[in-house]
PDB file of all heavy atoms in Angstrom:
ATOM      1  N   ALA A   1      -4.255  -3.519  -9.071  1.00  0.00           N
ATOM      2  CA  ALA A   1      -5.429  -3.798  -8.236  1.00  0.00           C
ATOM      3  C   ALA A   1      -5.535  -2.830  -7.067  1.00  0.00           C
ATOM      4  O   ALA A   1      -6.615  -2.295  -6.791  1.00  0.00           O
ATOM      5  CB  ALA A   1      -5.408  -5.244  -7.734  1.00  0.00           C
ATOM      6  N   ILE A   2      -4.430  -2.571  -6.367  1.00  0.00           N
ATOM      7  CA  ILE A   2      -4.505  -1.655  -5.230  1.00  0.00           C
ATOM      8  C   ILE A   2      -4.805  -0.248  -5.726  1.00  0.00           C
ATOM      9  O   ILE A   2      -5.506   0.521  -5.057  1.00  0.00           O
ATOM     10  CB  ILE A   2      -3.238  -1.717  -4.335  1.00  0.00           C
ATOM     11  CG1 ILE A   2      -3.532  -1.117  -2.957  1.00  0.00           C
ATOM     12  CG2 ILE A   2      -2.051  -1.054  -4.998  1.00  0.00           C
ATOM     13  CD1 ILE A   2      -4.569  -1.837  -2.137  1.00  0.00           C
ATOM     14  N   GLU A   3      -4.322   0.108  -6.906  1.00  0.00           N
ATOM     15  CA  GLU A   3      -4.638   1.429  -7.473  1.00  0.00           C
ATOM     16  C   GLU A   3      -6.122   1.531  -7.819  1.00  0.00           C
ATOM     17  O   GLU A   3      -6.732   2.583  -7.642  1.00  0.00           O
ATOM     18  CB  GLU A   3      -3.769   1.716  -8.697  1.00  0.00           C
ATOM     19  CG  GLU A   3      -2.342   2.067  -8.345  1.00  0.00           C
ATOM     20  CD  GLU A   3      -2.227   3.281  -7.424  1.00  0.00           C
ATOM     21  OE1 GLU A   3      -2.973   4.265  -7.597  1.00  0.00           O
ATOM     22  OE2 GLU A   3      -1.389   3.228  -6.502  1.00  0.00           O
ATOM     23  N   THR A   4      -6.703   0.445  -8.306  1.00  0.00           N
ATOM     24  CA  THR A   4      -8.135   0.425  -8.618  1.00  0.00           C
ATOM     25  C   THR A   4      -8.952   0.649  -7.348  1.00  0.00           C
ATOM     26  O   THR A   4      -9.884   1.468  -7.326  1.00  0.00           O
ATOM     27  CB  THR A   4      -8.519  -0.913  -9.279  1.00  0.00           C
ATOM     28  OG1 THR A   4      -7.781  -1.043 -10.497  1.00  0.00           O
ATOM     29  CG2 THR A   4     -10.011  -0.987  -9.573  1.00  0.00           C
ATOM     30  N   LEU A   5      -8.603  -0.051  -6.276  1.00  0.00           N
ATOM     31  CA  LEU A   5      -9.311   0.122  -4.999  1.00  0.00           C
ATOM     32  C   LEU A   5      -9.085   1.522  -4.438  1.00  0.00           C
ATOM     33  O   LEU A   5     -10.027   2.197  -4.001  1.00  0.00           O
ATOM     34  CB  LEU A   5      -8.854  -0.923  -3.983  1.00  0.00           C
ATOM     35  CG  LEU A   5      -9.366  -2.340  -4.192  1.00  0.00           C
ATOM     36  CD1 LEU A   5      -8.651  -3.306  -3.256  1.00  0.00           C
ATOM     37  CD2 LEU A   5     -10.865  -2.405  -3.994  1.00  0.00           C
ATOM     38  N   ARG A   6      -7.851   1.982  -4.457  1.00  0.00           N
ATOM     39  CA  ARG A   6      -7.493   3.297  -3.934  1.00  0.00           C
ATOM     40  C   ARG A   6      -8.276   4.404  -4.657  1.00  0.00           C
ATOM     41  O   ARG A   6      -8.825   5.306  -4.022  1.00  0.00           O
ATOM     42  CB  ARG A   6      -5.981   3.494  -4.108  1.00  0.00           C
ATOM     43  CG  ARG A   6      -5.441   4.754  -3.563  1.00  0.00           C
ATOM     44  CD  ARG A   6      -3.919   4.820  -3.842  1.00  0.00           C
ATOM     45  NE  ARG A   6      -3.484   6.177  -3.735  1.00  0.00           N
ATOM     46  CZ  ARG A   6      -3.625   7.107  -4.662  1.00  0.00           C
ATOM     47  NH1 ARG A   6      -4.166   6.819  -5.820  1.00  0.00           N
ATOM     48  NH2 ARG A   6      -3.198   8.334  -4.446  1.00  0.00           N
ATOM     49  N   THR A   7      -8.334   4.329  -5.961  1.00  0.00           N
ATOM     50  CA  THR A   7      -9.056   5.326  -6.749  1.00  0.00           C
ATOM     51  C   THR A   7     -10.535   5.349  -6.378  1.00  0.00           C
ATOM     52  O   THR A   7     -11.136   6.417  -6.215  1.00  0.00           O
ATOM     53  CB  THR A   7      -8.876   5.041  -8.255  1.00  0.00           C
ATOM     54  OG1 THR A   7      -7.480   5.125  -8.560  1.00  0.00           O
ATOM     55  CG2 THR A   7      -9.647   6.020  -9.113  1.00  0.00           C
ATOM     56  N   ALA A   8     -11.138   4.184  -6.218  1.00  0.00           N
ATOM     57  CA  ALA A   8     -12.555   4.105  -5.850  1.00  0.00           C
ATOM     58  C   ALA A   8     -12.796   4.710  -4.471  1.00  0.00           C
ATOM     59  O   ALA A   8     -13.758   5.472  -4.270  1.00  0.00           O
ATOM     60  CB  ALA A   8     -13.032   2.650  -5.877  1.00  0.00           C
ATOM     61  N   LEU A   9     -11.937   4.399  -3.514  1.00  0.00           N
ATOM     62  CA  LEU A   9     -12.101   4.917  -2.158  1.00  0.00           C
ATOM     63  C   LEU A   9     -11.987   6.440  -2.135  1.00  0.00           C
ATOM     64  O   LEU A   9     -12.798   7.124  -1.497  1.00  0.00           O
ATOM     65  CB  LEU A   9     -11.058   4.290  -1.235  1.00  0.00           C
ATOM     66  CG  LEU A   9     -11.201   2.782  -1.021  1.00  0.00           C
ATOM     67  CD1 LEU A   9      -9.938   2.205  -0.396  1.00  0.00           C
ATOM     68  CD2 LEU A   9     -12.424   2.456  -0.187  1.00  0.00           C
ATOM     69  N   LEU A  10     -11.010   6.978  -2.834  1.00  0.00           N
ATOM     70  CA  LEU A  10     -10.847   8.434  -2.902  1.00  0.00           C
ATOM     71  C   LEU A  10     -12.046   9.097  -3.576  1.00  0.00           C
ATOM     72  O   LEU A  10     -12.533  10.134  -3.117  1.00  0.00           O
ATOM     73  CB  LEU A  10      -9.550   8.792  -3.633  1.00  0.00           C
ATOM     74  CG  LEU A  10      -8.258   8.444  -2.895  1.00  0.00           C
ATOM     75  CD1 LEU A  10      -7.061   8.600  -3.832  1.00  0.00           C
ATOM     76  CD2 LEU A  10      -8.097   9.308  -1.647  1.00  0.00           C
ATOM     77  N   GLU A  11     -12.522   8.478  -4.638  1.00  0.00           N
ATOM     78  CA  GLU A  11     -13.678   9.007  -5.369  1.00  0.00           C
ATOM     79  C   GLU A  11     -14.915   9.089  -4.477  1.00  0.00           C
ATOM     80  O   GLU A  11     -15.747   9.987  -4.629  1.00  0.00           O
ATOM     81  CB  GLU A  11     -13.949   8.112  -6.579  1.00  0.00           C
ATOM     82  CG  GLU A  11     -15.083   8.579  -7.475  1.00  0.00           C
ATOM     83  CD  GLU A  11     -15.286   7.645  -8.652  1.00  0.00           C
ATOM     84  OE1 GLU A  11     -14.280   7.231  -9.274  1.00  0.00           O
ATOM     85  OE2 GLU A  11     -16.449   7.326  -8.944  1.00  0.00           O
ATOM     86  N   LEU A  12     -15.021   8.172  -3.527  1.00  0.00           N
ATOM     87  CA  LEU A  12     -16.196   8.123  -2.653  1.00  0.00           C
ATOM     88  C   LEU A  12     -16.009   8.922  -1.359  1.00  0.00           C
ATOM     89  O   LEU A  12     -16.855   8.872  -0.476  1.00  0.00           O
ATOM     90  CB  LEU A  12     -16.551   6.667  -2.349  1.00  0.00           C
ATOM     91  CG  LEU A  12     -16.967   5.860  -3.584  1.00  0.00           C
ATOM     92  CD1 LEU A  12     -17.091   4.384  -3.252  1.00  0.00           C
ATOM     93  CD2 LEU A  12     -18.265   6.397  -4.168  1.00  0.00           C
ATOM     94  N   GLY A  13     -14.900   9.661  -1.268  1.00  0.00           N
ATOM     95  CA  GLY A  13     -14.722  10.582  -0.154  1.00  0.00           C
ATOM     96  C   GLY A  13     -13.788  10.152   0.952  1.00  0.00           C
ATOM     97  O   GLY A  13     -13.571  10.904   1.900  1.00  0.00           O
ATOM     98  N   ALA A  14     -13.209   8.947   0.862  1.00  0.00           N
ATOM     99  CA  ALA A  14     -12.278   8.500   1.894  1.00  0.00           C
ATOM    100  C   ALA A  14     -10.960   9.269   1.763  1.00  0.00           C
ATOM    101  O   ALA A  14     -10.623   9.777   0.691  1.00  0.00           O
ATOM    102  CB  ALA A  14     -12.034   6.997   1.781  1.00  0.00           C
ATOM    103  N   GLU A  15     -10.225   9.337   2.858  1.00  0.00           N
ATOM    104  CA  GLU A  15      -8.946  10.039   2.888  1.00  0.00           C
ATOM    105  C   GLU A  15      -7.831   9.021   3.103  1.00  0.00           C
ATOM    106  O   GLU A  15      -7.905   8.198   4.019  1.00  0.00           O
ATOM    107  CB  GLU A  15      -8.947  11.045   4.039  1.00  0.00           C
ATOM    108  CG  GLU A  15      -7.636  11.749   4.260  1.00  0.00           C
ATOM    109  CD  GLU A  15      -7.622  12.567   5.540  1.00  0.00           C
ATOM    110  OE1 GLU A  15      -8.679  12.746   6.174  1.00  0.00           O
ATOM    111  OE2 GLU A  15      -6.530  13.009   5.914  1.00  0.00           O
ATOM    112  N   GLN A  16      -6.804   9.095   2.265  1.00  0.00           N
ATOM    113  CA  GLN A  16      -5.695   8.142   2.399  1.00  0.00           C
ATOM    114  C   GLN A  16      -4.719   8.592   3.474  1.00  0.00           C
ATOM    115  O   GLN A  16      -4.393   9.777   3.593  1.00  0.00           O
ATOM    116  CB  GLN A  16      -4.954   7.968   1.076  1.00  0.00           C
ATOM    117  CG  GLN A  16      -3.883   6.895   1.170  1.00  0.00           C
ATOM    118  CD  GLN A  16      -3.324   6.459  -0.168  1.00  0.00           C
ATOM    119  OE1 GLN A  16      -3.758   6.919  -1.212  1.00  0.00           O
ATOM    120  NE2 GLN A  16      -2.364   5.559  -0.136  1.00  0.00           N
ATOM    121  N   ILE A  17      -4.247   7.621   4.242  1.00  0.00           N
ATOM    122  CA  ILE A  17      -3.210   7.822   5.257  1.00  0.00           C
ATOM    123  C   ILE A  17      -1.903   7.301   4.668  1.00  0.00           C
ATOM    124  O   ILE A  17      -1.825   6.150   4.243  1.00  0.00           O
ATOM    125  CB  ILE A  17      -3.511   7.018   6.538  1.00  0.00           C
ATOM    126  CG1 ILE A  17      -4.882   7.340   7.093  1.00  0.00           C
ATOM    127  CG2 ILE A  17      -2.427   7.252   7.585  1.00  0.00           C
ATOM    128  CD1 ILE A  17      -5.356   6.341   8.151  1.00  0.00           C
ATOM    129  N   GLY A  18      -0.880   8.105   4.653  1.00  0.00           N
ATOM    130  CA  GLY A  18       0.430   7.655   4.194  1.00  0.00           C
ATOM    131  C   GLY A  18       0.474   7.377   2.701  1.00  0.00           C
ATOM    132  O   GLY A  18      -0.438   7.716   1.950  1.00  0.00           O
ATOM    133  N   THR A  19       1.547   6.745   2.292  1.00  0.00           N
ATOM    134  CA  THR A  19       1.742   6.417   0.887  1.00  0.00           C
ATOM    135  C   THR A  19       1.308   4.977   0.614  1.00  0.00           C
ATOM    136  O   THR A  19       1.288   4.148   1.518  1.00  0.00           O
ATOM    137  CB  THR A  19       3.224   6.567   0.476  1.00  0.00           C
ATOM    138  OG1 THR A  19       4.003   5.695   1.276  1.00  0.00           O
ATOM    139  CG2 THR A  19       3.705   8.000   0.651  1.00  0.00           C
ATOM    140  N   THR A  20       0.979   4.704  -0.622  1.00  0.00           N
ATOM    141  CA  THR A  20       0.614   3.341  -1.013  1.00  0.00           C
ATOM    142  C   THR A  20       1.885   2.503  -1.103  1.00  0.00           C
ATOM    143  O   THR A  20       2.829   2.864  -1.805  1.00  0.00           O
ATOM    144  CB  THR A  20      -0.097   3.347  -2.380  1.00  0.00           C
ATOM    145  OG1 THR A  20      -1.240   4.193  -2.308  1.00  0.00           O
ATOM    146  CG2 THR A  20      -0.515   1.947  -2.792  1.00  0.00           C
ATOM    147  N   ALA A  21       1.904   1.403  -0.381  1.00  0.00           N
ATOM    148  CA  ALA A  21       3.030   0.469  -0.457  1.00  0.00           C
ATOM    149  C   ALA A  21       2.796  -0.450  -1.644  1.00  0.00           C
ATOM    150  O   ALA A  21       1.673  -0.907  -1.875  1.00  0.00           O
ATOM    151  CB  ALA A  21       3.143  -0.341   0.828  1.00  0.00           C
ATOM    152  N   LYS A  22       3.870  -0.722  -2.381  1.00  0.00           N
ATOM    153  CA  LYS A  22       3.757  -1.596  -3.550  1.00  0.00           C
ATOM    154  C   LYS A  22       4.890  -2.605  -3.522  1.00  0.00           C
ATOM    155  O   LYS A  22       6.029  -2.281  -3.852  1.00  0.00           O
ATOM    156  CB  LYS A  22       3.789  -0.775  -4.838  1.00  0.00           C
ATOM    157  CG  LYS A  22       2.589   0.138  -4.973  1.00  0.00           C
ATOM    158  CD  LYS A  22       2.615   0.910  -6.267  1.00  0.00           C
ATOM    159  CE  LYS A  22       1.369   1.774  -6.393  1.00  0.00           C
ATOM    160  NZ  LYS A  22       1.370   2.548  -7.636  1.00  0.00           N
ATOM    161  N   HIS A  23       4.537  -3.817  -3.099  1.00  0.00           N
ATOM    162  CA  HIS A  23       5.544  -4.877  -3.081  1.00  0.00           C
ATOM    163  C   HIS A  23       5.729  -5.433  -4.483  1.00  0.00           C
ATOM    164  O   HIS A  23       4.767  -5.593  -5.234  1.00  0.00           O
ATOM    165  CB  HIS A  23       5.147  -6.013  -2.136  1.00  0.00           C
ATOM    166  CG  HIS A  23       6.178  -7.076  -2.106  1.00  0.00           C
ATOM    167  ND1 HIS A  23       6.073  -8.224  -2.858  1.00  0.00           N
ATOM    168  CD2 HIS A  23       7.369  -7.144  -1.459  1.00  0.00           C
ATOM    169  CE1 HIS A  23       7.150  -8.957  -2.660  1.00  0.00           C
ATOM    170  NE2 HIS A  23       7.956  -8.330  -1.810  1.00  0.00           N
ATOM    171  N   ASP A  24       6.974  -5.722  -4.820  1.00  0.00           N
ATOM    172  CA  ASP A  24       7.317  -6.291  -6.118  1.00  0.00           C
ATOM    173  C   ASP A  24       7.795  -7.725  -5.913  1.00  0.00           C
ATOM    174  O   ASP A  24       8.819  -7.955  -5.261  1.00  0.00           O
ATOM    175  CB  ASP A  24       8.413  -5.446  -6.766  1.00  0.00           C
ATOM    176  CG  ASP A  24       8.783  -5.898  -8.160  1.00  0.00           C
ATOM    177  OD1 ASP A  24       8.224  -6.913  -8.647  1.00  0.00           O
ATOM    178  OD2 ASP A  24       9.635  -5.230  -8.781  1.00  0.00           O
ATOM    179  N   ALA A  25       7.058  -8.659  -6.467  1.00  0.00           N
ATOM    180  CA  ALA A  25       7.424 -10.072  -6.333  1.00  0.00           C
ATOM    181  C   ALA A  25       8.782 -10.361  -6.957  1.00  0.00           C
ATOM    182  O   ALA A  25       9.434 -11.347  -6.599  1.00  0.00           O
ATOM    183  CB  ALA A  25       6.364 -10.958  -6.981  1.00  0.00           C
ATOM    184  N   ALA A  26       9.243  -9.504  -7.866  1.00  0.00           N
ATOM    185  CA  ALA A  26      10.540  -9.697  -8.503  1.00  0.00           C
ATOM    186  C   ALA A  26      11.695  -9.211  -7.626  1.00  0.00           C
ATOM    187  O   ALA A  26      12.855  -9.426  -7.957  1.00  0.00           O
ATOM    188  CB  ALA A  26      10.569  -8.967  -9.848  1.00  0.00           C
ATOM    189  N   SER A  27      11.380  -8.579  -6.504  1.00  0.00           N
ATOM    190  CA  SER A  27      12.429  -8.071  -5.610  1.00  0.00           C
ATOM    191  C   SER A  27      12.875  -9.169  -4.641  1.00  0.00           C
ATOM    192  O   SER A  27      12.204 -10.181  -4.475  1.00  0.00           O
ATOM    193  CB  SER A  27      11.927  -6.869  -4.812  1.00  0.00           C
ATOM    194  OG  SER A  27      11.063  -7.282  -3.771  1.00  0.00           O
ATOM    195  N   ALA A  28      13.978  -8.911  -3.970  1.00  0.00           N
ATOM    196  CA  ALA A  28      14.491  -9.868  -2.992  1.00  0.00           C
ATOM    197  C   ALA A  28      13.846  -9.677  -1.624  1.00  0.00           C
ATOM    198  O   ALA A  28      14.022 -10.507  -0.736  1.00  0.00           O
ATOM    199  CB  ALA A  28      16.001  -9.719  -2.877  1.00  0.00           C
ATOM    200  N   THR A  29      13.088  -8.597  -1.445  1.00  0.00           N
ATOM    201  CA  THR A  29      12.471  -8.298  -0.161  1.00  0.00           C
ATOM    202  C   THR A  29      11.159  -9.075  -0.017  1.00  0.00           C
ATOM    203  O   THR A  29      10.274  -8.938  -0.866  1.00  0.00           O
ATOM    204  CB  THR A  29      12.168  -6.793  -0.035  1.00  0.00           C
ATOM    205  OG1 THR A  29      13.370  -6.072  -0.258  1.00  0.00           O
ATOM    206  CG2 THR A  29      11.592  -6.454   1.326  1.00  0.00           C
ATOM    207  N   PRO A  30      11.022  -9.863   1.034  1.00  0.00           N
ATOM    208  CA  PRO A  30       9.749 -10.560   1.262  1.00  0.00           C
ATOM    209  C   PRO A  30       8.614  -9.541   1.508  1.00  0.00           C
ATOM    210  O   PRO A  30       8.839  -8.495   2.131  1.00  0.00           O
ATOM    211  CB  PRO A  30      10.000 -11.394   2.513  1.00  0.00           C
ATOM    212  CG  PRO A  30      11.490 -11.487   2.640  1.00  0.00           C
ATOM    213  CD  PRO A  30      12.027 -10.221   2.050  1.00  0.00           C
ATOM    214  N   ALA A  31       7.430  -9.850   1.039  1.00  0.00           N
ATOM    215  CA  ALA A  31       6.279  -8.960   1.200  1.00  0.00           C
ATOM    216  C   ALA A  31       6.005  -8.683   2.670  1.00  0.00           C
ATOM    217  O   ALA A  31       5.673  -7.547   3.051  1.00  0.00           O
ATOM    218  CB  ALA A  31       5.044  -9.565   0.533  1.00  0.00           C
ATOM    219  N   THR A  32       6.150  -9.677   3.519  1.00  0.00           N
ATOM    220  CA  THR A  32       5.864  -9.488   4.943  1.00  0.00           C
ATOM    221  C   THR A  32       6.871  -8.543   5.596  1.00  0.00           C
ATOM    222  O   THR A  32       6.527  -7.797   6.498  1.00  0.00           O
ATOM    223  CB  THR A  32       5.819 -10.837   5.681  1.00  0.00           C
ATOM    224  OG1 THR A  32       7.034 -11.550   5.421  1.00  0.00           O
ATOM    225  CG2 THR A  32       4.635 -11.670   5.231  1.00  0.00           C
ATOM    226  N   GLU A  33       8.110  -8.551   5.121  1.00  0.00           N
ATOM    227  CA  GLU A  33       9.126  -7.634   5.655  1.00  0.00           C
ATOM    228  C   GLU A  33       8.786  -6.189   5.282  1.00  0.00           C
ATOM    229  O   GLU A  33       8.856  -5.286   6.110  1.00  0.00           O
ATOM    230  CB  GLU A  33      10.506  -8.013   5.109  1.00  0.00           C
ATOM    231  CG  GLU A  33      11.651  -7.217   5.694  1.00  0.00           C
ATOM    232  CD  GLU A  33      12.995  -7.692   5.160  1.00  0.00           C
ATOM    233  OE1 GLU A  33      13.234  -8.911   5.139  1.00  0.00           O
ATOM    234  OE2 GLU A  33      13.795  -6.827   4.755  1.00  0.00           O
ATOM    235  N   LEU A  34       8.410  -5.965   4.033  1.00  0.00           N
ATOM    236  CA  LEU A  34       8.006  -4.623   3.599  1.00  0.00           C
ATOM    237  C   LEU A  34       6.758  -4.184   4.360  1.00  0.00           C
ATOM    238  O   LEU A  34       6.662  -3.033   4.800  1.00  0.00           O
ATOM    239  CB  LEU A  34       7.743  -4.602   2.089  1.00  0.00           C
ATOM    240  CG  LEU A  34       7.260  -3.267   1.515  1.00  0.00           C
ATOM    241  CD1 LEU A  34       8.307  -2.178   1.704  1.00  0.00           C
ATOM    242  CD2 LEU A  34       6.896  -3.430   0.050  1.00  0.00           C
ATOM    243  N   ALA A  35       5.814  -5.094   4.534  1.00  0.00           N
ATOM    244  CA  ALA A  35       4.566  -4.776   5.240  1.00  0.00           C
ATOM    245  C   ALA A  35       4.830  -4.362   6.678  1.00  0.00           C
ATOM    246  O   ALA A  35       4.217  -3.415   7.185  1.00  0.00           O
ATOM    247  CB  ALA A  35       3.612  -5.971   5.198  1.00  0.00           C
ATOM    248  N   ASP A  36       5.735  -5.059   7.334  1.00  0.00           N
ATOM    249  CA  ASP A  36       6.064  -4.749   8.721  1.00  0.00           C
ATOM    250  C   ASP A  36       6.629  -3.330   8.831  1.00  0.00           C
ATOM    251  O   ASP A  36       6.183  -2.537   9.665  1.00  0.00           O
ATOM    252  CB  ASP A  36       7.057  -5.781   9.260  1.00  0.00           C
ATOM    253  CG  ASP A  36       7.343  -5.590  10.727  1.00  0.00           C
ATOM    254  OD1 ASP A  36       6.462  -5.899  11.547  1.00  0.00           O
ATOM    255  OD2 ASP A  36       8.460  -5.119  11.048  1.00  0.00           O
ATOM    256  N   ALA A  37       7.601  -2.993   7.990  1.00  0.00           N
ATOM    257  CA  ALA A  37       8.214  -1.663   8.023  1.00  0.00           C
ATOM    258  C   ALA A  37       7.190  -0.585   7.663  1.00  0.00           C
ATOM    259  O   ALA A  37       7.131   0.475   8.303  1.00  0.00           O
ATOM    260  CB  ALA A  37       9.405  -1.616   7.063  1.00  0.00           C
ATOM    261  N   TRP A  38       6.372  -0.849   6.659  1.00  0.00           N
ATOM    262  CA  TRP A  38       5.352   0.109   6.219  1.00  0.00           C
ATOM    263  C   TRP A  38       4.327   0.349   7.322  1.00  0.00           C
ATOM    264  O   TRP A  38       3.961   1.500   7.602  1.00  0.00           O
ATOM    265  CB  TRP A  38       4.690  -0.429   4.947  1.00  0.00           C
ATOM    266  CG  TRP A  38       3.553   0.376   4.417  1.00  0.00           C
ATOM    267  CD1 TRP A  38       3.630   1.519   3.676  1.00  0.00           C
ATOM    268  CD2 TRP A  38       2.169   0.083   4.552  1.00  0.00           C
ATOM    269  NE1 TRP A  38       2.374   1.955   3.356  1.00  0.00           N
ATOM    270  CE2 TRP A  38       1.460   1.086   3.876  1.00  0.00           C
ATOM    271  CE3 TRP A  38       1.462  -0.947   5.180  1.00  0.00           C
ATOM    272  CZ2 TRP A  38       0.072   1.103   3.807  1.00  0.00           C
ATOM    273  CZ3 TRP A  38       0.080  -0.932   5.107  1.00  0.00           C
ATOM    274  CH2 TRP A  38      -0.601   0.080   4.431  1.00  0.00           C
ATOM    275  N   ALA A  39       3.879  -0.699   7.974  1.00  0.00           N
ATOM    276  CA  ALA A  39       2.888  -0.567   9.051  1.00  0.00           C
ATOM    277  C   ALA A  39       3.471   0.222  10.222  1.00  0.00           C
ATOM    278  O   ALA A  39       2.781   1.048  10.829  1.00  0.00           O
ATOM    279  CB  ALA A  39       2.402  -1.942   9.508  1.00  0.00           C
ATOM    280  N   ARG A  40       4.729   0.008  10.534  1.00  0.00           N
ATOM    281  CA  ARG A  40       5.369   0.760  11.623  1.00  0.00           C
ATOM    282  C   ARG A  40       5.436   2.250  11.281  1.00  0.00           C
ATOM    283  O   ARG A  40       5.251   3.105  12.152  1.00  0.00           O
ATOM    284  CB  ARG A  40       6.755   0.200  11.931  1.00  0.00           C
ATOM    285  CG  ARG A  40       6.659  -1.160  12.592  1.00  0.00           C
ATOM    286  CD  ARG A  40       7.975  -1.737  13.040  1.00  0.00           C
ATOM    287  NE  ARG A  40       7.795  -3.118  13.444  1.00  0.00           N
ATOM    288  CZ  ARG A  40       7.188  -3.528  14.538  1.00  0.00           C
ATOM    289  NH1 ARG A  40       6.676  -2.644  15.363  1.00  0.00           N
ATOM    290  NH2 ARG A  40       7.056  -4.812  14.816  1.00  0.00           N
ATOM    291  N   ASP A  41       5.686   2.566  10.016  1.00  0.00           N
ATOM    292  CA  ASP A  41       5.670   3.973   9.589  1.00  0.00           C
ATOM    293  C   ASP A  41       4.270   4.564   9.709  1.00  0.00           C
ATOM    294  O   ASP A  41       4.100   5.723  10.099  1.00  0.00           O
ATOM    295  CB  ASP A  41       6.145   4.115   8.134  1.00  0.00           C
ATOM    296  CG  ASP A  41       7.652   3.922   7.986  1.00  0.00           C
ATOM    297  OD1 ASP A  41       8.379   3.985   9.005  1.00  0.00           O
ATOM    298  OD2 ASP A  41       8.097   3.730   6.846  1.00  0.00           O
ATOM    299  N   LEU A  42       3.256   3.767   9.397  1.00  0.00           N
ATOM    300  CA  LEU A  42       1.858   4.247   9.497  1.00  0.00           C
ATOM    301  C   LEU A  42       1.457   4.574  10.930  1.00  0.00           C
ATOM    302  O   LEU A  42       0.633   5.447  11.147  1.00  0.00           O
ATOM    303  CB  LEU A  42       0.897   3.179   8.967  1.00  0.00           C
ATOM    304  CG  LEU A  42       0.629   3.134   7.484  1.00  0.00           C
ATOM    305  CD1 LEU A  42      -0.366   2.017   7.185  1.00  0.00           C
ATOM    306  CD2 LEU A  42       0.120   4.441   6.952  1.00  0.00           C
TER     307      LEU A  42
END
């Protein structure tokens, strides 16, 4: 889903900042923890 949105935004001329974060529900890392670290990097 995020790739679908990302592709559409790029196609329409938007510029991406940073890398796409992809949380895996099968991982032990909570999504909010990954989001916090990713946002701080941004």
